[in-house]
Protein backbone atom coordinates (compact mmCIF):
# COMPACT_ATOMS: atom_id res chain seq x y z
CA MET A 1 95.21 110.77 108.00
CA GLU A 2 93.64 107.37 109.16
CA ARG A 3 94.01 106.56 105.44
CA TYR A 4 97.40 107.06 105.48
CA ARG A 5 98.18 105.09 108.84
CA ASP A 6 96.07 101.94 107.45
CA THR A 7 97.80 102.01 104.11
CA MET A 8 100.90 102.41 105.33
CA LYS A 9 100.92 99.59 107.91
CA GLY A 10 103.75 97.47 107.54
CA TYR A 11 105.63 100.00 105.29
CA SER A 12 106.89 102.28 107.62
CA LYS A 13 110.89 101.40 107.49
CA ILE A 14 110.80 101.82 103.21
CA VAL A 15 109.34 105.11 103.84
CA LYS A 16 111.44 106.04 106.30
CA GLU A 17 114.70 105.31 104.07
CA ASN A 18 113.17 106.49 100.84
CA PRO A 19 115.55 109.40 99.68
CA LEU A 20 112.66 111.24 98.67
CA PHE A 21 111.64 111.90 102.39
CA THR A 22 115.21 112.74 103.83
CA GLY A 23 115.07 115.23 106.38
CA ILE A 24 111.28 114.88 106.90
CA GLU A 25 109.60 114.16 110.46
CA GLU A 26 107.22 111.19 110.71
CA ASN A 27 104.67 113.05 111.32
CA GLU A 28 105.27 115.50 108.52
CA ILE A 29 105.37 112.79 106.21
CA GLU A 30 101.60 111.83 107.46
CA GLU A 31 100.50 115.34 106.46
CA MET A 32 102.10 115.30 103.39
CA PHE A 33 101.10 111.50 102.01
CA HIS A 34 97.52 113.57 103.25
CA ALA A 35 98.30 116.41 101.12
CA LEU A 36 99.28 114.45 98.13
CA GLY A 37 96.44 111.95 98.06
CA ALA A 38 98.93 108.86 98.90
CA TYR A 39 97.17 105.11 98.16
CA VAL A 40 98.57 101.78 97.57
CA GLU A 41 97.92 99.71 94.73
CA THR A 42 98.31 95.69 94.14
CA TYR A 43 99.89 94.44 91.03
CA GLU A 44 99.59 90.63 89.36
CA LYS A 45 102.98 89.49 87.88
CA GLU A 46 103.09 91.23 83.95
CA GLU A 47 100.51 93.72 84.84
CA PHE A 48 100.79 96.99 83.49
CA ILE A 49 101.38 99.76 86.16
CA PHE A 50 101.66 102.53 83.31
CA ARG A 51 101.35 102.27 79.74
CA MET A 52 103.44 104.43 76.88
CA GLY A 53 101.45 107.54 75.90
CA GLU A 54 99.52 107.69 79.17
CA HIS A 55 99.87 111.19 80.98
CA VAL A 56 100.81 110.67 84.35
CA ASP A 57 100.75 112.99 87.44
CA LEU A 58 101.60 110.19 89.97
CA LEU A 59 104.84 109.16 91.31
CA GLY A 60 105.47 105.61 92.27
CA ILE A 61 107.43 104.19 94.99
CA VAL A 62 107.21 99.86 94.95
CA LEU A 63 106.64 98.60 98.49
CA ARG A 64 106.72 94.70 97.58
CA GLY A 65 107.90 93.15 94.74
CA ASN A 66 109.63 94.41 91.52
CA ALA A 67 108.87 96.41 88.30
CA HIS A 68 110.75 96.77 84.95
CA ILE A 69 110.69 100.17 83.13
CA VAL A 70 110.37 98.87 79.65
CA LYS A 71 110.65 100.34 75.80
CA GLU A 72 109.16 98.43 73.33
CA ASP A 73 109.33 99.45 69.52
CA PHE A 74 106.95 99.21 66.62
CA TRP A 75 107.48 95.75 66.15
CA GLY A 76 107.26 94.26 69.69
CA ASN A 77 110.97 94.44 70.57
CA ARG A 78 111.15 94.98 74.11
CA ASN A 79 114.11 96.70 76.18
CA ILE A 80 114.24 96.75 79.83
CA LEU A 81 115.55 99.78 80.93
CA THR A 82 115.98 99.14 84.59
CA LYS A 83 114.42 97.27 87.37
CA ILE A 84 112.74 98.96 90.11
CA GLY A 85 112.50 97.19 93.51
CA PRO A 86 111.23 97.94 97.16
CA GLY A 87 111.46 101.34 97.89
CA GLU A 88 113.02 102.89 94.67
CA ILE A 89 111.08 105.55 92.54
CA PHE A 90 109.33 105.72 89.06
CA ALA A 91 107.55 108.11 87.05
CA GLU A 92 109.07 110.92 88.73
CA THR A 93 109.82 113.25 85.63
CA TYR A 94 106.83 112.29 83.94
CA ALA A 95 104.85 113.46 87.26
CA CYS A 96 106.96 116.65 87.38
CA LEU A 97 106.24 117.24 83.77
CA HIS A 98 102.52 116.35 83.88
CA SER A 99 101.46 117.40 80.43
CA GLU A 100 104.46 114.96 78.73
CA GLU A 101 103.15 111.87 77.44
CA LEU A 102 104.73 108.97 78.99
CA GLY A 103 107.68 107.21 77.03
CA VAL A 104 107.88 104.03 78.63
CA ASP A 105 105.78 101.06 80.03
CA VAL A 106 106.10 100.12 83.88
CA ILE A 107 105.29 96.50 84.31
CA ALA A 108 105.01 94.32 87.32
CA ALA A 109 107.82 91.61 87.02
CA GLU A 110 105.93 89.88 89.97
CA LYS A 111 102.94 90.60 92.11
CA SER A 112 103.95 93.75 93.56
CA GLU A 113 102.67 96.62 95.99
CA VAL A 114 103.07 100.20 94.52
CA LEU A 115 102.47 103.52 96.62
CA PHE A 116 101.33 106.85 94.38
CA LEU A 117 101.75 110.43 95.46
CA ASN A 118 100.52 113.17 93.34
CA ILE A 119 103.79 114.80 93.29
CA TYR A 120 102.21 117.21 90.62
CA LYS A 121 100.53 118.96 93.69
CA VAL A 122 103.64 120.05 95.48
CA THR A 123 103.59 123.27 93.43
CA GLY A 124 100.27 123.89 95.16
CA MET A 125 100.67 123.06 98.83
CA HIS A 126 98.91 125.28 100.97
CA LYS A 127 101.01 127.18 103.82
CA ALA A 128 100.25 124.59 106.23
CA GLU A 129 102.72 122.25 104.05
CA GLU A 130 105.13 124.59 103.43
CA ARG A 131 107.48 123.59 106.56
CA PHE A 132 108.43 120.53 104.19
CA HIS A 133 107.74 121.76 100.61
CA HIS A 134 111.53 122.92 100.31
CA ILE A 135 112.98 119.73 101.47
CA LEU A 136 110.80 117.78 99.38
CA ILE A 137 111.63 119.79 96.19
CA ARG A 138 115.68 119.10 96.97
CA ASN A 139 115.04 115.70 97.77
CA LEU A 140 113.29 115.31 94.43
CA LEU A 141 116.42 116.90 92.64
CA ASP A 142 118.62 114.77 94.25
CA VAL A 143 116.41 111.57 93.08
CA LEU A 144 116.39 113.01 89.26
CA ALA A 145 120.14 113.45 89.44
CA GLY A 146 120.68 109.81 90.65
CA LYS A 147 118.51 108.61 87.80
CA ASN A 148 120.36 110.24 85.63
CA LEU A 149 123.46 108.83 86.48
CA MET A 150 122.03 105.59 86.29
CA LEU A 151 121.12 106.39 82.89
CA THR A 152 124.21 107.56 81.84
CA SER A 153 125.60 103.89 83.19
CA LYS A 154 123.55 101.94 80.81
CA MET A 155 124.25 104.10 78.07
CA GLY A 156 127.83 103.24 78.84
CA HIS A 157 126.97 99.54 78.34
CA MET A 158 124.66 99.95 75.21
CA THR A 159 127.63 102.02 73.25
CA GLN A 160 130.14 98.97 73.93
CA ARG A 161 130.65 97.51 70.06
CA SER A 162 129.71 93.76 70.87
CA THR A 163 127.70 91.87 72.91
CA ARG A 164 130.93 90.37 74.78
CA GLU A 165 131.74 93.86 75.56
CA LYS A 166 128.66 94.77 76.54
CA ILE A 167 128.41 91.75 79.02
CA LEU A 168 131.80 92.43 80.48
CA SER A 169 131.13 96.34 80.95
CA TYR A 170 127.73 95.67 82.74
CA LEU A 171 129.28 92.82 85.34
CA SER A 172 132.45 95.08 85.80
CA GLU A 173 130.04 97.71 86.90
CA GLN A 174 127.43 95.43 88.92
CA SER A 175 130.84 93.79 90.75
CA ARG A 176 131.87 97.68 91.67
CA LYS A 177 128.79 98.45 93.29
CA ALA A 178 128.86 94.80 94.97
CA HIS A 179 132.33 96.03 96.29
CA SER A 180 133.39 92.44 95.43
CA ALA A 181 134.43 90.12 92.73
CA GLN A 182 130.90 87.89 93.77
CA PHE A 183 127.52 89.31 93.32
CA ILE A 184 124.23 88.92 92.51
CA ILE A 185 122.59 90.77 89.36
CA PRO A 186 118.81 91.76 89.41
CA PHE A 187 118.24 89.85 85.99
CA ASP A 188 117.00 86.29 84.88
CA ARG A 189 118.70 85.52 81.26
CA GLN A 190 116.20 86.92 79.02
CA GLN A 191 115.81 90.26 81.40
CA MET A 192 119.47 90.82 81.13
CA ALA A 193 119.21 90.31 77.54
CA ASP A 194 116.59 92.90 77.28
CA TYR A 195 118.51 95.09 79.56
CA LEU A 196 121.59 95.19 77.35
CA SER A 197 119.63 95.14 73.87
CA VAL A 198 121.14 91.63 72.48
CA ASP A 199 119.72 88.40 71.44
CA ARG A 200 119.21 85.98 74.28
CA SER A 201 120.85 83.11 72.72
CA ALA A 202 123.65 85.19 71.80
CA LEU A 203 123.90 86.34 75.27
CA SER A 204 124.14 82.84 76.73
CA LYS A 205 126.44 81.45 73.99
CA GLU A 206 128.59 84.61 75.08
CA LEU A 207 128.64 83.82 78.85
CA SER A 208 129.30 80.35 78.07
CA LYS A 209 132.69 81.51 76.17
CA LEU A 210 133.67 83.80 78.95
CA GLN A 211 133.18 81.25 81.60
CA LYS A 212 135.38 78.67 79.53
CA GLU A 213 137.76 81.23 79.04
CA GLY A 214 138.20 81.55 83.12
CA LEU A 215 137.11 85.53 83.07
CA ILE A 216 133.74 84.86 84.81
CA ALA A 217 132.09 81.74 86.53
CA TYR A 218 128.28 81.89 87.12
CA GLU A 219 125.10 79.86 88.61
CA LYS A 220 121.82 81.47 87.40
CA ASN A 221 122.04 85.28 88.50
CA ARG A 222 125.20 84.68 91.07
CA PHE A 223 128.28 85.36 89.18
CA THR A 224 132.10 85.58 90.02
CA ILE A 225 134.76 87.78 88.04
CA THR A 226 137.53 85.44 88.24
CA ILE A 227 140.42 87.43 85.84
CA LYS A 228 140.85 90.83 86.06
CA ARG A 229 141.10 92.68 82.55
């Protein structure tokens, strides 16, 4: 238990607010982390957290920094599927399946700290942990459902026919999430291009056109939608 307290010093707020632990008391979280072998690793920018093809039984939670979930083809073309920030979870599907090879890379986008849990052990918890077992399973299902919605949203952008339509689809969603015409996106230009699976120069060219047409205004990753479509 001391290992947990030392490891999680300074991160209690992130842990308490994580949807995976909703409804679980703080003292139960300590017991659960002990049962699941919780530990923290630090990664430098561009360092691999997980590599495609690995078998993982660990669920990761970003405590500090950011990570990218990346799909790379045989020729090295990189597509950022999503960005994982502080408090967000990754690799939960593969941790549950256990025998399935990881189909993506997980890469630190900046210096980051990640909490790992051996979630596969949840099915083998002893009776002493049963009081939070069902809550954890329910919360994990909620997290998986949320990730499914996020991937569905990405597919909505990807199925647009042109770079212009992909950009407008993505920016419209970001505006909706922010409940404002002004918002900040979580990507730089290259990352945005990777996320939308478009060429960076084509992306920059189309953004410039949209700004000249008065549809959007932007400075770096700050955007404003100026005219409704």
